[in-house]
């Protein structure tokens, strides 16, 4: 596939089609990998983005109880000392 380099302000950039963006799940950023005369674009996946805010919201709502008890609550850990 051939793509054109376009002028963007004082820089130049590569325009990717909507089809490519959707197929490879490219959002706002990509990782550039320079390897053996090639430039590889790799989508940056952030599956845990915003987890901290979600955990805080759960805590504020009192919805962050443990689903199972402490596995060591009835154990004596003297042997580990």
Protein backbone atom coordinates (compact mmCIF):
# COMPACT_ATOMS: atom_id res chain seq x y z
CA UNK A 1 0.00 0.00 0.00
CA UNK A 2 1.30 3.44 -0.86
CA UNK A 3 0.59 6.51 1.28
CA UNK A 4 1.50 10.15 0.86
CA UNK A 5 3.41 12.28 3.32
CA UNK A 6 1.46 15.51 3.90
CA UNK A 7 2.43 18.91 5.31
CA UNK A 8 1.09 19.60 8.82
CA UNK A 9 2.18 23.07 9.95
CA UNK A 10 6.00 23.12 9.96
CA UNK A 11 6.11 19.31 10.05
CA UNK A 12 5.01 16.48 7.83
CA UNK A 13 2.80 13.53 8.63
CA UNK A 14 1.26 10.35 7.34
CA UNK A 15 -2.49 10.23 6.87
CA UNK A 16 -4.12 6.87 7.66
CA UNK A 17 -7.52 5.94 6.26
CA UNK A 18 -10.50 5.34 8.52
CA UNK A 19 -10.48 1.69 7.42
CA UNK A 20 -6.90 1.17 8.65
CA UNK A 21 -7.58 3.02 11.91
CA UNK A 22 -10.61 0.84 12.64
CA UNK A 23 -9.05 -2.45 11.49
CA UNK A 24 -5.97 -2.03 13.71
CA UNK A 25 -7.79 -0.25 16.56
CA UNK A 26 -5.61 2.85 16.33
CA UNK A 27 -6.90 5.64 18.58
CA UNK A 28 -4.77 8.66 19.52
CA UNK A 29 -1.23 7.29 19.68
CA UNK A 30 0.97 4.66 18.04
CA UNK A 31 4.36 3.30 18.96
CA UNK A 32 7.04 3.89 16.31
CA UNK A 33 9.45 1.00 15.94
CA UNK A 34 12.53 1.68 13.79
CA UNK A 35 13.91 -1.64 12.60
CA UNK A 36 16.23 -2.62 9.74
CA UNK A 37 15.28 0.20 7.40
CA UNK A 38 11.58 -0.04 8.26
CA UNK A 39 9.22 2.08 10.30
CA UNK A 40 6.59 0.00 12.06
CA UNK A 41 3.48 1.60 13.55
CA UNK A 42 2.07 -0.34 16.49
CA UNK A 43 -1.22 0.65 18.16
CA UNK A 44 -0.86 1.55 21.83
CA UNK A 45 -3.41 -0.39 23.80
CA UNK A 46 -4.24 0.92 27.27
CA UNK A 47 -6.64 -1.65 28.68
CA UNK A 48 -6.30 -0.37 32.27
CA UNK A 49 -6.76 3.29 31.45
CA UNK A 50 -8.93 5.10 34.03
CA UNK A 51 -8.94 2.13 36.45
CA UNK A 52 -7.76 4.36 39.30
CA UNK A 53 -10.81 6.61 38.93
CA UNK A 54 -13.11 3.58 38.69
CA UNK A 55 -11.62 2.04 41.85
CA UNK A 56 -12.05 5.34 43.71
CA UNK A 57 -15.67 5.51 42.59
CA UNK A 58 -16.25 1.94 43.80
CA UNK A 59 -14.65 2.79 47.16
CA UNK A 60 -16.75 5.94 47.55
CA UNK A 61 -19.90 3.88 46.86
CA UNK A 62 -18.83 1.18 49.36
CA UNK A 63 -18.74 -1.35 46.53
CA UNK A 64 -15.17 -2.58 46.99
CA UNK A 65 -15.65 -5.43 49.48
CA UNK A 66 -13.47 -8.49 49.04
CA UNK A 67 -15.24 -11.37 47.30
CA UNK A 68 -13.38 -13.96 49.36
CA UNK A 69 -11.80 -13.80 52.75
CA UNK A 70 -8.12 -13.51 53.51
CA UNK A 71 -6.54 -16.86 52.66
CA UNK A 72 -4.27 -16.58 55.70
CA UNK A 73 -6.80 -15.46 58.30
CA UNK A 74 -6.86 -18.82 60.09
CA UNK A 75 -3.21 -19.66 59.53
CA UNK A 76 -0.41 -19.23 62.00
CA UNK A 77 2.55 -17.73 60.25
CA UNK A 78 5.06 -18.46 62.99
CA UNK A 79 6.99 -20.79 60.74
CA UNK A 80 7.74 -17.86 58.45
CA UNK A 81 9.50 -15.84 61.14
